[in-house]
Amino acid sequence: MASRVLLHICCGPCAIAPLLRLTEAGLDVVGLFANDNIQPAAEWLRRRDGAAKVAGRLGITLVIDDYNPVPHMVRSLADPAGRCRPCWAERLNRTAARARELDCNTFTSSLLYSKYQDHAAITALGRDATASHGVAFAYADYRVHWDEGIALSREWDIYRQPYCGCVLSELDRYAKKLRRPPDIG
């Protein structure tokens, strides 16, 4: 029997390359969409639907957790500059716990596809989740497949988000534009 892995999926485009690599390796893959960090709710719905579209196209079972962004918002607003590490930890711990419930041998995350995420911190947090939940964290550097994921997400018409997930990351994205005076003309 193939090893069973639970892939935390943050969005459809970021899931493509990890799902392809995991299935090519002969693994039995289950996807988990668990992202209370995504705001507003309309954005969460677009990303959920994109993840479902990718999972369906690749024949992967997708588990979708309930959406409750309030605890994440409170935590992020309390420490805007330090918001990412607790966000990653919460999602990796949730994935490790769900992996155990779903009889998966290992877990990993599509966060490891992004060129914008801190892989060292995510790896350390994944290992911490392993210690807490008894399911192994499988690190892989999916960034080398960045162009492939972008091309396929466009070809498959998968919603591509313009920011990481939380409202604060959206503000970061627009910081320069917000400081510039408007173009009047």
Protein backbone atom coordinates (compact mmCIF):
# COMPACT_ATOMS: atom_id res chain seq x y z
CA MET A 1 0.00 0.00 0.00
CA ALA A 2 1.25 3.47 -0.89
CA SER A 3 2.14 5.91 1.82
CA ARG A 4 -0.72 8.31 2.57
CA VAL A 5 0.10 12.01 2.81
CA LEU A 6 -2.08 14.96 3.79
CA LEU A 7 -1.27 18.12 1.86
CA HIS A 8 -2.35 21.38 3.45
CA ILE A 9 -3.58 23.48 0.51
CA CYS A 10 -3.54 27.25 0.86
CA CYS A 11 -4.96 27.83 -2.65
CA GLY A 12 -5.37 26.13 -6.00
CA PRO A 13 -2.33 27.57 -7.82
CA CYS A 14 0.07 26.72 -4.98
CA ALA A 15 -1.31 23.18 -4.77
CA ILE A 16 -0.67 22.17 -8.39
CA ALA A 17 3.07 21.45 -8.28
CA PRO A 18 3.04 19.72 -4.86
CA LEU A 19 0.09 17.55 -5.89
CA LEU A 20 1.77 16.59 -9.15
CA ARG A 21 5.06 15.72 -7.43
CA LEU A 22 3.39 13.73 -4.63
CA THR A 23 1.18 11.72 -6.99
CA GLU A 24 4.09 11.14 -9.41
CA ALA A 25 5.96 9.66 -6.43
CA GLY A 26 3.15 7.11 -6.07
CA LEU A 27 1.76 8.53 -2.85
CA ASP A 28 -1.89 8.41 -1.85
CA VAL A 29 -2.62 12.13 -1.43
CA VAL A 30 -5.46 13.81 0.42
CA GLY A 31 -5.82 17.60 0.32
CA LEU A 32 -6.86 19.76 3.26
CA PHE A 33 -8.18 23.29 2.79
CA ALA A 34 -7.90 24.79 6.28
CA ASN A 35 -7.22 28.51 6.08
CA ASP A 36 -8.85 30.71 8.70
CA ASN A 37 -6.23 33.34 7.85
CA ILE A 38 -7.87 34.22 4.53
CA GLN A 39 -9.96 37.38 4.55
CA PRO A 40 -12.46 38.53 3.58
CA ALA A 41 -14.87 35.61 3.35
CA ALA A 42 -15.39 36.20 -0.39
CA GLU A 43 -11.64 35.66 -0.89
CA TRP A 44 -11.77 32.46 1.18
CA LEU A 45 -14.59 31.20 -1.07
CA ARG A 46 -12.63 31.99 -4.28
CA ARG A 47 -9.58 30.17 -2.94
CA ARG A 48 -11.64 27.23 -1.68
CA ASP A 49 -13.24 26.88 -5.09
CA GLY A 50 -9.84 27.10 -6.81
CA ALA A 51 -8.45 24.38 -4.53
CA ALA A 52 -11.50 22.20 -5.26
CA LYS A 53 -11.07 22.74 -9.00
CA VAL A 54 -7.42 21.62 -8.85
CA ALA A 55 -8.22 18.63 -6.63
CA GLY A 56 -11.01 17.57 -8.99
CA ARG A 57 -8.82 17.91 -12.04
CA LEU A 58 -6.10 15.76 -10.42
CA GLY A 59 -8.50 13.24 -8.85
CA ILE A 60 -7.52 14.13 -5.26
CA THR A 61 -9.91 13.99 -2.31
CA LEU A 62 -10.20 17.45 -0.75
CA VAL A 63 -11.26 17.92 2.86
CA ILE A 64 -12.55 21.42 3.58
CA ASP A 65 -12.47 22.58 7.18
CA ASP A 66 -14.90 25.10 8.62
CA TYR A 67 -14.02 28.77 8.32
CA ASN A 68 -13.60 30.84 11.48
CA PRO A 69 -11.31 33.83 10.86
CA VAL A 70 -11.94 35.73 14.12
CA PRO A 71 -9.21 34.08 16.28
CA HIS A 72 -6.69 34.62 13.48
CA MET A 73 -7.72 38.28 13.10
CA VAL A 74 -7.42 38.93 16.84
CA ARG A 75 -3.98 37.29 17.00
CA SER A 76 -2.74 39.10 13.87
CA LEU A 77 -3.95 42.51 14.98
CA ALA A 78 -2.25 42.03 18.35
CA ASP A 79 1.13 41.59 16.59
CA PRO A 80 0.97 42.72 12.95
CA ALA A 81 4.71 42.45 12.37
CA GLY A 82 4.92 38.95 13.87
CA ARG A 83 1.70 37.56 12.41
CA CYS A 84 3.08 35.04 9.91
CA ARG A 85 4.80 32.54 12.21
CA PRO A 86 1.70 31.94 14.41
CA CYS A 87 -0.41 31.69 11.24
CA TRP A 88 1.84 29.00 9.78
CA ALA A 89 2.00 27.19 13.13
CA GLU A 90 -1.78 27.11 13.48
CA ARG A 91 -2.29 25.69 9.99
CA LEU A 92 0.52 23.13 10.28
CA ASN A 93 -0.71 21.95 13.69
CA ARG A 94 -4.24 21.68 12.33
CA THR A 95 -2.93 19.70 9.36
CA ALA A 96 -0.91 17.35 11.57
CA ALA A 97 -3.96 16.72 13.77
CA ARG A 98 -6.15 16.07 10.72
CA ALA A 99 -3.47 13.79 9.22
CA ARG A 100 -3.69 11.64 12.31
CA GLU A 101 -7.52 11.56 12.09
CA LEU A 102 -7.36 10.65 8.38
CA ASP A 103 -4.78 7.86 8.88
CA CYS A 104 -2.08 9.66 6.92
CA ASN A 105 1.56 8.71 7.51
CA THR A 106 2.87 12.18 6.75
CA PHE A 107 1.75 15.74 6.14
CA THR A 108 3.12 18.69 4.23
CA SER A 109 1.96 22.06 2.92
CA SER A 110 1.60 23.93 -0.34
CA LEU A 111 3.16 26.86 1.55
CA LEU A 112 6.42 25.20 0.50
CA TYR A 113 5.66 26.11 -3.13
CA SER A 114 5.77 29.85 -2.51
CA LYS A 115 8.91 31.86 -3.15
CA TYR A 116 7.57 34.39 -0.65
CA GLN A 117 7.35 32.12 2.42
CA ASP A 118 10.07 31.44 5.01
CA HIS A 119 10.90 27.77 4.37
CA ALA A 120 13.20 27.45 7.38
CA ALA A 121 10.48 28.68 9.73
CA ILE A 122 7.79 26.53 8.09
CA THR A 123 10.05 23.46 8.32
CA ALA A 124 10.76 24.09 12.01
CA LEU A 125 7.03 24.56 12.70
CA GLY A 126 6.22 21.40 10.75
CA ARG A 127 8.67 19.47 12.90
CA ASP A 128 7.12 21.01 16.03
CA ALA A 129 3.71 19.81 14.82
CA THR A 130 5.21 16.35 14.29
CA ALA A 131 6.31 16.28 17.92
CA SER A 132 2.86 17.38 19.08
CA HIS A 133 0.76 15.07 16.91
CA GLY A 134 2.97 12.08 16.08
CA VAL A 135 2.64 12.36 12.28
CA ALA A 136 5.80 13.03 10.28
CA PHE A 137 6.28 16.32 8.45
CA ALA A 138 7.57 15.87 4.89
CA TYR A 139 9.61 18.83 3.68
CA ALA A 140 10.07 19.35 -0.04
CA ASP A 141 11.16 22.49 -1.85
CA TYR A 142 8.45 22.97 -4.46
CA ARG A 143 9.72 26.44 -5.42
CA VAL A 144 11.69 24.89 -8.30
CA HIS A 145 8.30 24.18 -9.92
CA TRP A 146 7.10 27.80 -9.60
CA ASP A 147 6.80 28.45 -13.35
CA GLU A 148 4.99 25.17 -13.93
CA GLY A 149 2.39 25.97 -11.27
CA ILE A 150 1.78 29.44 -12.66
CA ALA A 151 1.46 28.19 -16.24
CA LEU A 152 -0.93 25.37 -15.32
CA SER A 153 -3.06 27.59 -13.07
CA ARG A 154 -3.51 29.96 -16.00
CA GLU A 155 -4.16 27.16 -18.48
CA TRP A 156 -6.72 25.57 -16.13
CA ASP A 157 -8.29 28.96 -15.30
CA ILE A 158 -7.68 28.65 -11.56
CA TYR A 159 -8.24 31.80 -9.51
CA ARG A 160 -4.87 33.43 -8.73
CA GLN A 161 -4.91 35.57 -5.61
CA PRO A 162 -3.02 38.84 -5.34
CA TYR A 163 -1.93 38.54 -1.66
CA CYS A 164 -0.99 35.92 0.93
CA GLY A 165 -4.30 35.73 2.74
CA CYS A 166 -4.93 38.03 5.65
CA VAL A 167 -6.07 41.62 5.37
CA LEU A 168 -2.70 42.77 6.72
CA SER A 169 -0.90 41.01 3.86
CA GLU A 170 -3.22 42.77 1.43
CA LEU A 171 -2.30 46.10 3.05
CA ASP A 172 1.39 45.21 2.64
CA ARG A 173 0.77 44.54 -1.04
CA TYR A 174 -0.70 48.01 -1.57
CA ALA A 175 1.58 49.93 0.85
CA LYS A 176 3.45 51.88 -1.84
CA LYS A 177 0.25 52.78 -3.70
CA LEU A 178 -1.43 53.91 -0.49
CA ARG A 179 1.41 56.37 0.20
CA ARG A 180 1.35 57.84 -3.32
CA PRO A 181 -0.95 60.73 -4.14
CA PRO A 182 -3.71 59.84 -6.60
CA ASP A 183 -3.25 60.38 -10.30
CA ILE A 184 -5.49 63.26 -11.26
CA GLY A 185 -5.58 63.96 -14.82
